[in-house]
């Protein structure tokens, strides 16, 4: 956990934005679960990420692959950096809307690096 707090402090010093729902420059606090996934859609203030996970099926005593989609808030200071196809990290925050309960923390890989 201490690593994530230091990551936020490092990011805070890089850019400044006027976004109140920014975990680095605004008052939005993060807590709970952290996920990493690929950006499949990008909107003005949010992104949709998708990642695979293994789900245990008790009846068959086996694991099955399942895809999960999460909508996350995209802070203004990171909007230009993140594109469709990038691999990013999101963290849970308070509910910002009906579907947005996560916020983008950092970009891990760009779409160009994966190719």
Protein backbone atom coordinates (compact mmCIF):
# COMPACT_ATOMS: atom_id res chain seq x y z
CA UNK A 1 0.00 0.00 0.00
CA UNK A 2 2.81 2.43 0.70
CA UNK A 3 3.96 2.13 -2.90
CA UNK A 4 0.60 3.35 -4.23
CA UNK A 5 0.64 6.39 -1.96
CA UNK A 6 4.09 7.37 -3.18
CA UNK A 7 2.96 6.88 -6.81
CA UNK A 8 0.16 9.37 -6.20
CA UNK A 9 2.61 11.91 -4.72
CA UNK A 10 4.97 11.56 -7.69
CA UNK A 11 2.11 12.03 -10.16
CA UNK A 12 0.86 15.04 -8.18
CA UNK A 13 4.06 16.95 -8.80
CA UNK A 14 4.08 16.33 -12.59
CA UNK A 15 0.97 18.13 -13.87
CA UNK A 16 -1.69 20.42 -12.47
CA UNK A 17 -5.37 20.39 -13.42
CA UNK A 18 -8.56 22.03 -12.25
CA UNK A 19 -10.49 18.75 -12.11
CA UNK A 20 -12.15 18.27 -8.71
CA UNK A 21 -12.49 14.51 -9.34
CA UNK A 22 -8.75 14.07 -9.88
CA UNK A 23 -7.00 11.83 -7.30
CA UNK A 24 -3.77 13.84 -7.72
CA UNK A 25 -4.91 17.48 -7.86
CA UNK A 26 -8.52 17.36 -6.66
CA UNK A 27 -10.20 16.09 -3.52
CA UNK A 28 -11.10 12.60 -4.71
CA UNK A 29 -9.85 9.90 -2.35
CA UNK A 30 -9.18 6.35 -3.49
CA UNK A 31 -9.76 3.20 -1.48
CA UNK A 32 -10.36 -0.50 -1.94
CA UNK A 33 -9.72 -2.61 -5.03
CA UNK A 34 -7.17 -2.02 -7.77
CA UNK A 35 -7.43 -3.44 -11.29
CA UNK A 36 -5.30 -3.37 -14.41
CA UNK A 37 -6.78 -3.66 -17.88
CA UNK A 38 -6.80 -2.57 -21.51
CA UNK A 39 -8.71 0.54 -22.61
CA UNK A 40 -11.39 -0.51 -25.11
CA UNK A 41 -13.34 2.78 -25.28
CA UNK A 42 -12.46 6.37 -24.47
CA UNK A 43 -14.91 9.19 -23.83
CA UNK A 44 -14.45 12.79 -22.74
CA UNK A 45 -14.16 12.12 -18.99
CA UNK A 46 -14.18 8.34 -18.73
CA UNK A 47 -12.66 5.19 -20.13
CA UNK A 48 -13.88 1.61 -20.32
CA UNK A 49 -11.30 -1.04 -19.46
CA UNK A 50 -11.56 -4.78 -19.96
CA UNK A 51 -9.60 -7.57 -18.29
CA UNK A 52 -9.78 -11.35 -18.05
CA UNK A 53 -10.15 -13.31 -14.85
CA UNK A 54 -10.62 -16.96 -13.92
CA UNK A 55 -13.95 -17.92 -12.34
CA UNK A 56 -14.34 -21.24 -10.54
CA UNK A 57 -17.41 -23.26 -11.59
CA UNK A 58 -18.29 -25.58 -8.72
CA UNK A 59 -20.51 -27.91 -10.71
CA UNK A 60 -17.74 -28.84 -13.14
CA UNK A 61 -14.85 -28.34 -10.68
CA UNK A 62 -13.00 -26.26 -13.25
CA UNK A 63 -12.07 -22.68 -13.99
CA UNK A 64 -13.53 -20.66 -16.85
CA UNK A 65 -12.18 -17.45 -18.34
CA UNK A 66 -14.43 -14.44 -17.94
CA UNK A 67 -14.09 -10.87 -19.19
CA UNK A 68 -15.00 -7.92 -16.98
CA UNK A 69 -15.66 -4.35 -18.11
CA UNK A 70 -15.17 -1.40 -15.75
CA UNK A 71 -15.98 2.26 -16.35
CA UNK A 72 -13.43 4.62 -14.80
CA UNK A 73 -13.11 8.39 -14.44
CA UNK A 74 -10.37 9.89 -16.61
CA UNK A 75 -8.76 12.96 -14.95
CA UNK A 76 -8.11 15.99 -17.18
CA UNK A 77 -4.36 15.82 -16.53
CA UNK A 78 -4.19 12.28 -18.00
CA UNK A 79 -6.65 12.67 -20.87
CA UNK A 80 -3.98 13.27 -23.54
CA UNK A 81 -1.69 10.47 -22.33
CA UNK A 82 -4.22 7.62 -22.43
CA UNK A 83 -5.50 6.22 -25.74
CA UNK A 84 -7.51 3.18 -26.82
CA UNK A 85 -5.41 0.03 -26.47
CA UNK A 86 -3.27 1.27 -23.54
CA UNK A 87 -2.79 -0.91 -20.45
CA UNK A 88 -3.75 1.15 -17.36
CA UNK A 89 -4.29 0.84 -13.62
CA UNK A 90 -7.56 1.91 -11.96
CA UNK A 91 -8.46 2.18 -8.30
CA UNK A 92 -11.79 2.23 -6.50
CA UNK A 93 -13.25 5.52 -5.25
CA UNK A 94 -16.62 6.81 -4.12
CA UNK A 95 -19.46 6.44 -6.67
CA UNK A 96 -19.13 9.37 -9.11
CA UNK A 97 -22.18 8.42 -11.20
CA UNK A 98 -24.47 5.47 -11.86
CA UNK A 99 -21.71 3.42 -13.54
CA UNK A 100 -18.43 5.09 -12.53
CA UNK A 101 -16.92 3.81 -9.28
CA UNK A 102 -13.23 3.78 -10.29
CA UNK A 103 -10.61 6.37 -11.25
CA UNK A 104 -7.53 6.04 -13.49
CA UNK A 105 -4.32 6.06 -11.45
CA UNK A 106 -1.56 5.49 -14.01
CA UNK A 107 -0.64 4.25 -17.46
CA UNK A 108 1.42 1.05 -17.46
CA UNK A 109 1.97 0.38 -21.19
CA UNK A 110 0.97 2.18 -24.34
CA UNK A 111 -0.70 0.42 -27.24
CA UNK A 112 2.44 0.90 -29.36
CA UNK A 113 4.68 -0.91 -26.83
CA UNK A 114 2.48 -4.01 -26.84
CA UNK A 115 2.80 -4.48 -30.64
